[in-house]
Amino acid sequence: MKKFTSISDVADLDTLVSSALRYKANPFADKTLGSGKRIGLLFFNPSMRTRLSTQVAAANLGMEALVFNVGQEGWTLEFGEDTIMNGTTVEHVRDAAPILGTYFDFLGIRTFPSLKNREEDYSEQYLNQFIRYAGIPVVSLESATLHPLQSLADIITLTELMPAGRKPKVVLTWAPHVKALPQCVANSFAQWVTAWGKAELVVAHPQGITLDSAFTRGASVTHQQDEALAGADFVYVKNWSSFSDYGKIPDAHPGWMLTPAKLERTNRAKVMHCLPVRRNVELSSAVLDSPASVVTRQAGNRVWAAQAVLAELLKNS
């Protein structure tokens, strides 16, 4: 592995999951693997789980992790090529990234889409410019279209809770929210589960709140939430805005919130969410606080996902 931005960078997903579970059982199994190495973590938008889990993972491997909040602590960066920089941006990524490449052995980059221009967001300009100019391996800590560290933690969680002897039914269901959110978590989860190949994936969302079919290929897609939930073993709850009517949510759809009554249609499903979650908007508190919820386990697995990825990059650097 030379970088980590999507499932396409992973040569063997089962091996990566096994590595993560090995670290979960013994966090300091490779406590000197990253000795003398540094990772810079650049955040263009807020983070709690991604930042802290990656720092803990690096420390478990003997690595030093330094965090830099770009918007609050540094110059405003320009990413456009051949731009006349007579506006608000102060430094070009073409100048900044190579310097960071001399300070660090790896870079973690967290960006966020504008949800205004689909072409620009889906070009992954921020992430790709760092990959192009830094000269060192780059780890996506979430991008405009994908969240691979979250998805790896999700696959780890599914692996731990798999029913014996059969493929589980996994439902990714849209949920209401107070504002439009990116498609990255949903895109990434669909991409990773279909690549994993050990579950039947159903994606449920209201009419018009689509995902890019490039990421849902191999999954069943329905606009009937109750139909999707029937017999489900896992239910992943997540809001996203529309891909086709980009960045928009046509209606609030409060009836899509997951409740205990809806869970009764499932096969005693485990409920997942990437967090943070809007209680009693996306998910009822009764569900979140019930034995069905595995959101804490899921978030805890973020450490082992990051540790497995960093270890793989260290071994190949």
C-alpha atoms as a PDB file:
ATOM      1  CA  MET A   1       0.000   0.000   0.000  1.00  0.00           C
ATOM      2  CA  LYS A   2       1.475   3.342  -1.111  1.00  0.00           C
ATOM      3  CA  LYS A   3      -1.470   5.561  -0.109  1.00  0.00           C
ATOM      4  CA  PHE A   4      -4.897   5.126   1.452  1.00  0.00           C
ATOM      5  CA  THR A   5      -7.769   6.995  -0.155  1.00  0.00           C
ATOM      6  CA  SER A   6     -10.304   4.293  -1.093  1.00  0.00           C
ATOM      7  CA  ILE A   7     -10.851   0.537  -1.255  1.00  0.00           C
ATOM      8  CA  SER A   8      -8.885   0.530  -4.528  1.00  0.00           C
ATOM      9  CA  ASP A   9      -5.684   1.125  -2.536  1.00  0.00           C
ATOM     10  CA  VAL A  10      -6.201  -2.087  -0.533  1.00  0.00           C
ATOM     11  CA  ALA A  11      -4.645  -5.215  -2.020  1.00  0.00           C
ATOM     12  CA  ASP A  12      -6.278  -7.662   0.408  1.00  0.00           C
ATOM     13  CA  LEU A  13      -9.173  -6.450   2.569  1.00  0.00           C
ATOM     14  CA  ASP A  14      -9.382  -9.636   4.642  1.00  0.00           C
ATOM     15  CA  THR A  15      -5.712  -9.329   5.566  1.00  0.00           C
ATOM     16  CA  LEU A  16      -6.173  -5.674   6.535  1.00  0.00           C
ATOM     17  CA  VAL A  17      -9.178  -6.542   8.722  1.00  0.00           C
ATOM     18  CA  SER A  18      -7.224  -9.378  10.359  1.00  0.00           C
ATOM     19  CA  SER A  19      -4.390  -6.949  11.087  1.00  0.00           C
ATOM     20  CA  ALA A  20      -6.837  -4.514  12.705  1.00  0.00           C
ATOM     21  CA  LEU A  21      -8.308  -7.249  14.891  1.00  0.00           C
ATOM     22  CA  ARG A  22      -4.805  -8.350  15.885  1.00  0.00           C
ATOM     23  CA  TYR A  23      -4.066  -4.814  17.056  1.00  0.00           C
ATOM     24  CA  LYS A  24      -7.376  -4.694  18.906  1.00  0.00           C
ATOM     25  CA  ALA A  25      -6.299  -7.795  20.845  1.00  0.00           C
ATOM     26  CA  ASN A  26      -2.779  -6.453  21.389  1.00  0.00           C
ATOM     27  CA  PRO A  27      -2.469  -2.699  20.712  1.00  0.00           C
ATOM     28  CA  PHE A  28       1.303  -2.591  21.284  1.00  0.00           C
ATOM     29  CA  ALA A  29       2.242  -5.661  19.249  1.00  0.00           C
ATOM     30  CA  ASP A  30       4.314  -3.422  16.939  1.00  0.00           C
ATOM     31  CA  LYS A  31       5.090  -0.575  19.325  1.00  0.00           C
ATOM     32  CA  THR A  32       8.442   0.234  17.664  1.00  0.00           C
ATOM     33  CA  LEU A  33       7.343  -0.167  14.029  1.00  0.00           C
ATOM     34  CA  GLY A  34       6.925   3.591  13.613  1.00  0.00           C
ATOM     35  CA  SER A  35       9.849   4.662  15.765  1.00  0.00           C
ATOM     36  CA  GLY A  36      11.472   7.776  14.320  1.00  0.00           C
ATOM     37  CA  LYS A  37       8.566   8.379  11.909  1.00  0.00           C
ATOM     38  CA  ARG A  38       6.116  11.290  11.840  1.00  0.00           C
ATOM     39  CA  ILE A  39       2.662  11.770  10.374  1.00  0.00           C
ATOM     40  CA  GLY A  40       1.192  15.214   9.824  1.00  0.00           C
ATOM     41  CA  LEU A  41      -2.583  15.393  10.200  1.00  0.00           C
ATOM     42  CA  LEU A  42      -4.079  18.322   8.273  1.00  0.00           C
ATOM     43  CA  PHE A  43      -7.694  19.209   8.979  1.00  0.00           C
ATOM     44  CA  PHE A  44      -9.697  21.496   6.713  1.00  0.00           C
ATOM     45  CA  ASN A  45     -12.843  20.805   8.751  1.00  0.00           C
ATOM     46  CA  PRO A  46     -13.611  19.715  12.333  1.00  0.00           C
ATOM     47  CA  SER A  47     -13.024  16.204  13.632  1.00  0.00           C
ATOM     48  CA  MET A  48     -13.131  14.281  16.882  1.00  0.00           C
ATOM     49  CA  ARG A  49     -13.071  10.505  16.236  1.00  0.00           C
ATOM     50  CA  THR A  50     -10.901  10.667  13.117  1.00  0.00           C
ATOM     51  CA  ARG A  51      -8.326  12.935  14.706  1.00  0.00           C
ATOM     52  CA  LEU A  52      -8.070  11.203  18.064  1.00  0.00           C
ATOM     53  CA  SER A  53      -8.250   7.631  16.765  1.00  0.00           C
ATOM     54  CA  THR A  54      -5.466   8.325  14.264  1.00  0.00           C
ATOM     55  CA  GLN A  55      -3.308   9.921  16.953  1.00  0.00           C
ATOM     56  CA  VAL A  56      -3.850   6.946  19.266  1.00  0.00           C
ATOM     57  CA  ALA A  57      -3.108   4.507  16.438  1.00  0.00           C
ATOM     58  CA  ALA A  58       0.126   6.311  15.572  1.00  0.00           C
ATOM     59  CA  ALA A  59       1.205   6.335  19.226  1.00  0.00           C
ATOM     60  CA  ASN A  60       0.528   2.590  19.507  1.00  0.00           C
ATOM     61  CA  LEU A  61       3.036   2.077  16.676  1.00  0.00           C
ATOM     62  CA  GLY A  62       5.639   4.402  18.186  1.00  0.00           C
ATOM     63  CA  MET A  63       4.942   7.149  15.641  1.00  0.00           C
ATOM     64  CA  GLU A  64       4.681  10.864  16.331  1.00  0.00           C
ATOM     65  CA  ALA A  65       1.497  12.542  15.073  1.00  0.00           C
ATOM     66  CA  LEU A  66       1.306  16.327  14.698  1.00  0.00           C
ATOM     67  CA  VAL A  67      -2.062  18.001  14.086  1.00  0.00           C
ATOM     68  CA  PHE A  68      -2.559  21.182  12.062  1.00  0.00           C
ATOM     69  CA  ASN A  69      -5.974  22.831  11.653  1.00  0.00           C
ATOM     70  CA  VAL A  70      -5.463  24.567   8.335  1.00  0.00           C
ATOM     71  CA  GLY A  71      -8.323  27.068   8.466  1.00  0.00           C
ATOM     72  CA  GLN A  72      -7.632  28.281  12.000  1.00  0.00           C
ATOM     73  CA  GLU A  73      -3.849  27.975  12.327  1.00  0.00           C
ATOM     74  CA  GLY A  74      -2.304  28.587   8.925  1.00  0.00           C
ATOM     75  CA  TRP A  75      -2.439  30.458   5.654  1.00  0.00           C
ATOM     76  CA  THR A  76      -5.403  30.049   3.346  1.00  0.00           C
ATOM     77  CA  LEU A  77      -4.345  27.608   0.640  1.00  0.00           C
ATOM     78  CA  GLU A  78      -4.943  27.866  -3.085  1.00  0.00           C
ATOM     79  CA  PHE A  79      -5.532  24.636  -5.052  1.00  0.00           C
ATOM     80  CA  GLY A  80      -6.312  25.834  -8.578  1.00  0.00           C
ATOM     81  CA  GLU A  81      -3.590  25.465 -11.189  1.00  0.00           C
ATOM     82  CA  ASP A  82      -2.332  28.608 -12.959  1.00  0.00           C
ATOM     83  CA  THR A  83      -4.385  30.798 -10.634  1.00  0.00           C
ATOM     84  CA  ILE A  84      -3.620  34.500 -10.315  1.00  0.00           C
ATOM     85  CA  MET A  85      -3.503  34.719  -6.533  1.00  0.00           C
ATOM     86  CA  ASN A  86      -4.858  38.228  -6.075  1.00  0.00           C
ATOM     87  CA  GLY A  87      -7.761  37.144  -3.843  1.00  0.00           C
ATOM     88  CA  THR A  88      -8.043  35.734  -0.328  1.00  0.00           C
ATOM     89  CA  THR A  89      -5.693  32.733  -0.689  1.00  0.00           C
ATOM     90  CA  VAL A  90      -2.138  33.282   0.525  1.00  0.00           C
ATOM     91  CA  GLU A  91      -0.152  30.143  -0.286  1.00  0.00           C
ATOM     92  CA  HIS A  92      -0.428  27.580  -3.092  1.00  0.00           C
ATOM     93  CA  VAL A  93      -0.571  23.885  -2.274  1.00  0.00           C
ATOM     94  CA  ARG A  94       2.159  23.421  -4.886  1.00  0.00           C
ATOM     95  CA  ASP A  95       4.502  25.344  -2.566  1.00  0.00           C
ATOM     96  CA  ALA A  96       3.189  24.084   0.772  1.00  0.00           C
ATOM     97  CA  ALA A  97       2.872  20.339   0.091  1.00  0.00           C
ATOM     98  CA  PRO A  98       6.537  19.681  -0.829  1.00  0.00           C
ATOM     99  CA  ILE A  99       7.632  21.407   2.392  1.00  0.00           C
ATOM    100  CA  LEU A 100       5.315  19.189   4.397  1.00  0.00           C
ATOM    101  CA  GLY A 101       6.849  16.273   2.540  1.00  0.00           C
ATOM    102  CA  THR A 102      10.213  17.188   4.080  1.00  0.00           C
ATOM    103  CA  TYR A 103       8.770  17.521   7.601  1.00  0.00           C
ATOM    104  CA  PHE A 104       6.822  14.262   7.657  1.00  0.00           C
ATOM    105  CA  ASP A 105       6.974  10.671   6.498  1.00  0.00           C
ATOM    106  CA  PHE A 106       3.199  10.513   5.918  1.00  0.00           C
ATOM    107  CA  LEU A 107       0.372  13.030   5.564  1.00  0.00           C
ATOM    108  CA  GLY A 108      -3.242  12.607   6.642  1.00  0.00           C
ATOM    109  CA  ILE A 109      -5.663  14.979   4.905  1.00  0.00           C
ATOM    110  CA  ARG A 110      -9.264  15.701   5.916  1.00  0.00           C
ATOM    111  CA  THR A 111     -11.331  17.784   3.535  1.00  0.00           C
ATOM    112  CA  PHE A 112     -15.023  18.483   3.054  1.00  0.00           C
ATOM    113  CA  PRO A 113     -17.149  19.167  -0.038  1.00  0.00           C
ATOM    114  CA  SER A 114     -18.724  22.515  -0.752  1.00  0.00           C
ATOM    115  CA  LEU A 115     -21.979  20.782  -1.820  1.00  0.00           C
ATOM    116  CA  LYS A 116     -22.324  23.544  -4.408  1.00  0.00           C
ATOM    117  CA  ASN A 117     -20.362  22.294  -7.419  1.00  0.00           C
ATOM    118  CA  ARG A 118     -20.534  18.541  -7.966  1.00  0.00           C
ATOM    119  CA  GLU A 119     -17.807  18.464 -10.601  1.00  0.00           C
ATOM    120  CA  GLU A 120     -15.354  20.280  -8.340  1.00  0.00           C
ATOM    121  CA  ASP A 121     -16.182  18.186  -5.274  1.00  0.00           C
ATOM    122  CA  TYR A 122     -16.000  14.863  -7.100  1.00  0.00           C
ATOM    123  CA  SER A 123     -12.667  15.782  -8.668  1.00  0.00           C
ATOM    124  CA  GLU A 124     -11.156  15.460  -5.150  1.00  0.00           C
ATOM    125  CA  GLN A 125      -8.903  18.404  -5.964  1.00  0.00           C
ATOM    126  CA  TYR A 126      -7.672  19.032  -2.415  1.00  0.00           C
ATOM    127  CA  LEU A 127      -6.702  15.428  -1.751  1.00  0.00           C
ATOM    128  CA  ASN A 128      -5.216  14.857  -5.193  1.00  0.00           C
ATOM    129  CA  GLN A 129      -3.084  18.000  -5.082  1.00  0.00           C
ATOM    130  CA  PHE A 130      -1.456  16.834  -1.857  1.00  0.00           C
ATOM    131  CA  ILE A 131      -0.877  13.396  -3.360  1.00  0.00           C
ATOM    132  CA  ARG A 132       0.635  15.037  -6.426  1.00  0.00           C
ATOM    133  CA  TYR A 133       2.993  17.474  -4.696  1.00  0.00           C
ATOM    134  CA  ALA A 134       3.844  16.132  -1.211  1.00  0.00           C
ATOM    135  CA  GLY A 135       6.058  13.289  -2.400  1.00  0.00           C
ATOM    136  CA  ILE A 136       5.098  11.080   0.570  1.00  0.00           C
ATOM    137  CA  PRO A 137       2.220   8.629   1.214  1.00  0.00           C
ATOM    138  CA  VAL A 138      -1.137  10.299   1.877  1.00  0.00           C
ATOM    139  CA  VAL A 139      -3.950   8.939   4.047  1.00  0.00           C
ATOM    140  CA  SER A 140      -7.487  10.216   3.537  1.00  0.00           C
ATOM    141  CA  LEU A 141      -9.005  11.210   6.866  1.00  0.00           C
ATOM    142  CA  GLU A 142     -12.221  11.895   4.907  1.00  0.00           C
ATOM    143  CA  SER A 143     -12.563  13.566   1.551  1.00  0.00           C
ATOM    144  CA  ALA A 144     -15.291  15.175  -0.508  1.00  0.00           C
ATOM    145  CA  THR A 145     -16.579  11.802  -1.743  1.00  0.00           C
ATOM    146  CA  LEU A 146     -15.227   9.047   0.559  1.00  0.00           C
ATOM    147  CA  HIS A 147     -14.354   8.212   4.170  1.00  0.00           C
ATOM    148  CA  PRO A 148     -12.199   5.059   3.919  1.00  0.00           C
ATOM    149  CA  LEU A 149     -10.995   4.879   7.537  1.00  0.00           C
ATOM    150  CA  GLN A 150     -14.624   4.950   8.685  1.00  0.00           C
ATOM    151  CA  SER A 151     -15.521   2.253   6.175  1.00  0.00           C
ATOM    152  CA  LEU A 152     -12.675   0.004   7.280  1.00  0.00           C
ATOM    153  CA  ALA A 153     -13.891   0.351  10.882  1.00  0.00           C
ATOM    154  CA  ASP A 154     -17.382  -0.523   9.641  1.00  0.00           C
ATOM    155  CA  ILE A 155     -16.128  -3.701   7.945  1.00  0.00           C
ATOM    156  CA  ILE A 156     -14.236  -4.634  11.126  1.00  0.00           C
ATOM    157  CA  THR A 157     -17.475  -4.204  13.104  1.00  0.00           C
ATOM    158  CA  LEU A 158     -19.479  -6.297  10.636  1.00  0.00           C
ATOM    159  CA  THR A 159     -16.796  -8.997  10.759  1.00  0.00           C
ATOM    160  CA  GLU A 160     -16.959  -9.172  14.546  1.00  0.00           C
ATOM    161  CA  LEU A 161     -20.752  -9.504  14.590  1.00  0.00           C
ATOM    162  CA  MET A 162     -21.333 -11.676  11.505  1.00  0.00           C
ATOM    163  CA  PRO A 163     -24.012 -14.382  11.810  1.00  0.00           C
ATOM    164  CA  ALA A 164     -22.583 -17.872  11.404  1.00  0.00           C
ATOM    165  CA  GLY A 165     -22.936 -19.742   8.152  1.00  0.00           C
ATOM    166  CA  ARG A 166     -24.699 -17.183   5.963  1.00  0.00           C
ATOM    167  CA  LYS A 167     -24.427 -13.804   4.316  1.00  0.00           C
ATOM    168  CA  PRO A 168     -26.036 -11.091   6.451  1.00  0.00           C
ATOM    169  CA  LYS A 169     -28.452  -8.549   5.038  1.00  0.00           C
ATOM    170  CA  VAL A 170     -27.000  -5.085   5.543  1.00  0.00           C
ATOM    171  CA  VAL A 171     -29.213  -2.039   5.010  1.00  0.00           C
ATOM    172  CA  LEU A 172     -27.832   1.450   4.487  1.00  0.00           C
ATOM    173  CA  THR A 173     -30.790   3.707   5.177  1.00  0.00           C
ATOM    174  CA  TRP A 174     -31.052   7.447   4.664  1.00  0.00           C
ATOM    175  CA  ALA A 175     -32.043   9.451   7.742  1.00  0.00           C
ATOM    176  CA  PRO A 176     -33.419  12.965   8.234  1.00  0.00           C
ATOM    177  CA  HIS A 177     -31.134  15.790   9.324  1.00  0.00           C
ATOM    178  CA  VAL A 178     -31.372  19.513  10.024  1.00  0.00           C
ATOM    179  CA  LYS A 179     -29.020  20.330   7.150  1.00  0.00           C
ATOM    180  CA  ALA A 180     -27.667  18.844   3.947  1.00  0.00           C
ATOM    181  CA  LEU A 181     -24.676  16.552   4.498  1.00  0.00           C
ATOM    182  CA  PRO A 182     -22.120  15.073   2.060  1.00  0.00           C
ATOM    183  CA  GLN A 183     -22.444  11.671   0.436  1.00  0.00           C
ATOM    184  CA  CYS A 184     -18.939  10.554   1.482  1.00  0.00           C
ATOM    185  CA  VAL A 185     -19.786   8.138   4.332  1.00  0.00           C
ATOM    186  CA  ALA A 186     -22.635   6.537   2.386  1.00  0.00           C
ATOM    187  CA  ASN A 187     -20.570   6.330  -0.829  1.00  0.00           C
ATOM    188  CA  SER A 188     -17.687   4.772   1.014  1.00  0.00           C
ATOM    189  CA  PHE A 189     -19.746   2.265   3.013  1.00  0.00           C
ATOM    190  CA  ALA A 190     -21.500   1.025  -0.138  1.00  0.00           C
ATOM    191  CA  GLN A 191     -18.182   0.781  -1.986  1.00  0.00           C
ATOM    192  CA  TRP A 192     -16.461  -1.188   0.785  1.00  0.00           C
ATOM    193  CA  VAL A 193     -19.335  -3.578   1.541  1.00  0.00           C
ATOM    194  CA  THR A 194     -19.773  -4.527  -2.116  1.00  0.00           C
ATOM    195  CA  ALA A 195     -16.005  -4.994  -2.521  1.00  0.00           C
ATOM    196  CA  TRP A 196     -15.952  -7.100   0.667  1.00  0.00           C
ATOM    197  CA  GLY A 197     -18.518  -9.408  -0.879  1.00  0.00           C
ATOM    198  CA  LYS A 198     -19.623 -11.084   2.347  1.00  0.00           C
ATOM    199  CA  ALA A 199     -22.996  -9.369   2.759  1.00  0.00           C
ATOM    200  CA  GLU A 200     -26.137  -8.536   0.805  1.00  0.00           C
ATOM    201  CA  LEU A 201     -26.331  -4.738   0.678  1.00  0.00           C
ATOM    202  CA  VAL A 202     -29.582  -2.799   0.316  1.00  0.00           C
ATOM    203  CA  VAL A 203     -29.550   1.006   0.032  1.00  0.00           C
ATOM    204  CA  ALA A 204     -32.795   2.741   0.999  1.00  0.00           C
ATOM    205  CA  HIS A 205     -33.525   6.423   0.445  1.00  0.00           C
ATOM    206  CA  PRO A 206     -36.448   8.679  -0.492  1.00  0.00           C
ATOM    207  CA  GLN A 207     -37.071   9.578  -4.111  1.00  0.00           C
ATOM    208  CA  GLY A 208     -34.592  12.160  -5.361  1.00  0.00           C
ATOM    209  CA  ILE A 209     -31.992  11.771  -2.604  1.00  0.00           C
ATOM    210  CA  THR A 210     -29.714   9.671  -4.755  1.00  0.00           C
ATOM    211  CA  LEU A 211     -26.142   8.462  -4.474  1.00  0.00           C
ATOM    212  CA  ASP A 212     -23.693   8.160  -7.350  1.00  0.00           C
ATOM    213  CA  SER A 213     -24.367   4.759  -8.940  1.00  0.00           C
ATOM    214  CA  ALA A 214     -20.609   4.268  -9.294  1.00  0.00           C
ATOM    215  CA  PHE A 215     -20.529   3.625  -5.544  1.00  0.00           C
ATOM    216  CA  THR A 216     -23.769   1.645  -5.165  1.00  0.00           C
ATOM    217  CA  ARG A 217     -23.083  -0.757  -8.031  1.00  0.00           C
ATOM    218  CA  GLY A 218     -23.675  -4.290  -6.746  1.00  0.00           C
ATOM    219  CA  ALA A 219     -26.235  -3.170  -4.147  1.00  0.00           C
ATOM    220  CA  SER A 220     -30.037  -3.217  -4.334  1.00  0.00           C
ATOM    221  CA  VAL A 221     -31.575   0.256  -4.209  1.00  0.00           C
ATOM    222  CA  THR A 222     -35.111   0.943  -2.977  1.00  0.00           C
ATOM    223  CA  HIS A 223     -37.257   3.899  -1.957  1.00  0.00           C
ATOM    224  CA  GLN A 224     -39.260   1.767   0.484  1.00  0.00           C
ATOM    225  CA  GLN A 225     -37.596   1.820   3.906  1.00  0.00           C
ATOM    226  CA  ASP A 226     -39.934  -0.731   5.519  1.00  0.00           C
ATOM    227  CA  GLU A 227     -39.322  -3.151   2.672  1.00  0.00           C
ATOM    228  CA  ALA A 228     -35.566  -2.712   3.029  1.00  0.00           C
ATOM    229  CA  LEU A 229     -35.614  -3.254   6.792  1.00  0.00           C
ATOM    230  CA  ALA A 230     -37.492  -6.551   6.594  1.00  0.00           C
ATOM    231  CA  GLY A 231     -35.149  -9.321   7.771  1.00  0.00           C
ATOM    232  CA  ALA A 232     -32.109  -7.045   8.049  1.00  0.00           C
ATOM    233  CA  ASP A 233     -29.189  -8.181  10.229  1.00  0.00           C
ATOM    234  CA  PHE A 234     -27.489  -4.767  10.269  1.00  0.00           C
ATOM    235  CA  VAL A 235     -28.929  -1.294   9.740  1.00  0.00           C
ATOM    236  CA  TYR A 236     -26.526   1.555   8.994  1.00  0.00           C
ATOM    237  CA  VAL A 237     -28.218   4.912   9.507  1.00  0.00           C
ATOM    238  CA  LYS A 238     -26.842   7.974   7.707  1.00  0.00           C
ATOM    239  CA  ASN A 239     -28.034  11.226   6.209  1.00  0.00           C
ATOM    240  CA  TRP A 240     -26.767  12.428   2.845  1.00  0.00           C
ATOM    241  CA  SER A 241     -27.825  15.074   0.362  1.00  0.00           C
ATOM    242  CA  SER A 242     -28.740  14.332  -3.230  1.00  0.00           C
ATOM    243  CA  PHE A 243     -26.124  13.490  -5.848  1.00  0.00           C
ATOM    244  CA  SER A 244     -28.434  14.150  -8.811  1.00  0.00           C
ATOM    245  CA  ASP A 245     -29.912  17.400  -7.458  1.00  0.00           C
ATOM    246  CA  TYR A 246     -26.536  18.116  -5.992  1.00  0.00           C
ATOM    247  CA  GLY A 247     -26.310  19.060  -2.333  1.00  0.00           C
ATOM    248  CA  LYS A 248     -30.083  19.340  -1.913  1.00  0.00           C
ATOM    249  CA  ILE A 249     -32.602  17.515   0.271  1.00  0.00           C
ATOM    250  CA  PRO A 250     -35.985  18.042  -1.449  1.00  0.00           C
ATOM    251  CA  ASP A 251     -38.090  17.351   1.670  1.00  0.00           C
ATOM    252  CA  ALA A 252     -37.400  16.756   5.365  1.00  0.00           C
ATOM    253  CA  HIS A 253     -38.851  13.192   5.373  1.00  0.00           C
ATOM    254  CA  PRO A 254     -39.124  12.950   9.202  1.00  0.00           C
ATOM    255  CA  GLY A 255     -40.797   9.571   8.816  1.00  0.00           C
ATOM    256  CA  TRP A 256     -37.448   8.042   7.860  1.00  0.00           C
ATOM    257  CA  MET A 257     -36.042   8.326  11.399  1.00  0.00           C
ATOM    258  CA  LEU A 258     -35.207   4.867  12.738  1.00  0.00           C
ATOM    259  CA  THR A 259     -37.397   3.916  15.707  1.00  0.00           C
ATOM    260  CA  PRO A 260     -37.912   0.776  17.831  1.00  0.00           C
ATOM    261  CA  ALA A 261     -41.124   0.070  15.910  1.00  0.00           C
ATOM    262  CA  LYS A 262     -39.233   0.021  12.621  1.00  0.00           C
ATOM    263  CA  LEU A 263     -36.560  -2.228  14.100  1.00  0.00           C
ATOM    264  CA  GLU A 264     -39.213  -4.844  14.789  1.00  0.00           C
ATOM    265  CA  ARG A 265     -39.254  -5.576  11.047  1.00  0.00           C
ATOM    266  CA  THR A 266     -35.595  -6.623  11.142  1.00  0.00           C
ATOM    267  CA  ASN A 267     -33.874  -9.831  12.185  1.00  0.00           C
ATOM    268  CA  ARG A 268     -32.896  -8.318  15.566  1.00  0.00           C
ATOM    269  CA  ALA A 269     -30.595  -6.044  13.614  1.00  0.00           C
ATOM    270  CA  LYS A 270     -27.552  -4.316  15.014  1.00  0.00           C
ATOM    271  CA  VAL A 271     -27.725  -0.556  14.411  1.00  0.00           C
ATOM    272  CA  MET A 272     -24.717   1.362  13.131  1.00  0.00           C
ATOM    273  CA  HIS A 273     -23.959   5.065  12.679  1.00  0.00           C
ATOM    274  CA  CYS A 274     -20.650   6.832  12.016  1.00  0.00           C
ATOM    275  CA  LEU A 275     -21.317   9.581  14.620  1.00  0.00           C
ATOM    276  CA  PRO A 276     -21.874  12.364  15.489  1.00  0.00           C
ATOM    277  CA  VAL A 277     -25.617  11.683  15.484  1.00  0.00           C
ATOM    278  CA  ARG A 278     -28.592  14.002  15.953  1.00  0.00           C
ATOM    279  CA  ARG A 279     -30.663  12.200  18.575  1.00  0.00           C
ATOM    280  CA  ASN A 280     -34.378  11.991  17.821  1.00  0.00           C
ATOM    281  CA  VAL A 281     -33.783  13.394  14.337  1.00  0.00           C
ATOM    282  CA  GLU A 282     -31.705  10.723  12.595  1.00  0.00           C
ATOM    283  CA  LEU A 283     -32.092   8.050  15.247  1.00  0.00           C
ATOM    284  CA  SER A 284     -34.396   7.812  18.235  1.00  0.00           C
ATOM    285  CA  SER A 285     -32.720   7.800  21.633  1.00  0.00           C
ATOM    286  CA  ALA A 286     -34.595   4.580  22.356  1.00  0.00           C
ATOM    287  CA  VAL A 287     -32.649   2.882  19.556  1.00  0.00           C
ATOM    288  CA  LEU A 288     -29.312   4.513  20.339  1.00  0.00           C
ATOM    289  CA  ASP A 289     -29.485   3.513  24.001  1.00  0.00           C
ATOM    290  CA  SER A 290     -30.728  -0.019  23.327  1.00  0.00           C
ATOM    291  CA  PRO A 291     -28.705  -3.250  23.082  1.00  0.00           C
ATOM    292  CA  ALA A 292     -29.250  -3.094  19.309  1.00  0.00           C
ATOM    293  CA  SER A 293     -26.889  -0.121  19.009  1.00  0.00           C
ATOM    294  CA  VAL A 294     -23.239  -0.906  18.233  1.00  0.00           C
ATOM    295  CA  VAL A 295     -22.172   2.692  17.572  1.00  0.00           C
ATOM    296  CA  THR A 296     -19.669   2.718  20.457  1.00  0.00           C
ATOM    297  CA  ARG A 297     -18.012  -0.490  19.264  1.00  0.00           C
ATOM    298  CA  GLN A 298     -17.982   0.900  15.732  1.00  0.00           C
ATOM    299  CA  ALA A 299     -16.321   4.149  16.839  1.00  0.00           C
ATOM    300  CA  GLY A 300     -13.840   2.230  18.997  1.00  0.00           C
ATOM    301  CA  ASN A 301     -12.802   0.240  15.938  1.00  0.00           C
ATOM    302  CA  ARG A 302     -11.639   3.483  14.321  1.00  0.00           C
ATOM    303  CA  VAL A 303      -8.356   3.119  16.268  1.00  0.00           C
ATOM    304  CA  TRP A 304      -7.677  -0.369  14.933  1.00  0.00           C
ATOM    305  CA  ALA A 305      -8.614   0.616  11.396  1.00  0.00           C
ATOM    306  CA  ALA A 306      -6.147   3.500  11.472  1.00  0.00           C
ATOM    307  CA  GLN A 307      -3.472   1.367  13.128  1.00  0.00           C
ATOM    308  CA  ALA A 308      -3.760  -1.367  10.492  1.00  0.00           C
ATOM    309  CA  VAL A 309      -3.479   1.207   7.686  1.00  0.00           C
ATOM    310  CA  LEU A 310      -0.506   3.028   9.223  1.00  0.00           C
ATOM    311  CA  ALA A 311       1.269  -0.268   9.893  1.00  0.00           C
ATOM    312  CA  GLU A 312       0.781  -1.313   6.269  1.00  0.00           C
ATOM    313  CA  LEU A 313       2.148   2.004   5.025  1.00  0.00           C
ATOM    314  CA  LEU A 314       5.123   1.763   7.386  1.00  0.00           C
ATOM    315  CA  LYS A 315       5.951  -1.720   6.172  1.00  0.00           C
ATOM    316  CA  ASN A 316       5.845  -0.581   2.549  1.00  0.00           C
ATOM    317  CA  SER A 317       7.636   2.771   2.943  1.00  0.00           C
END
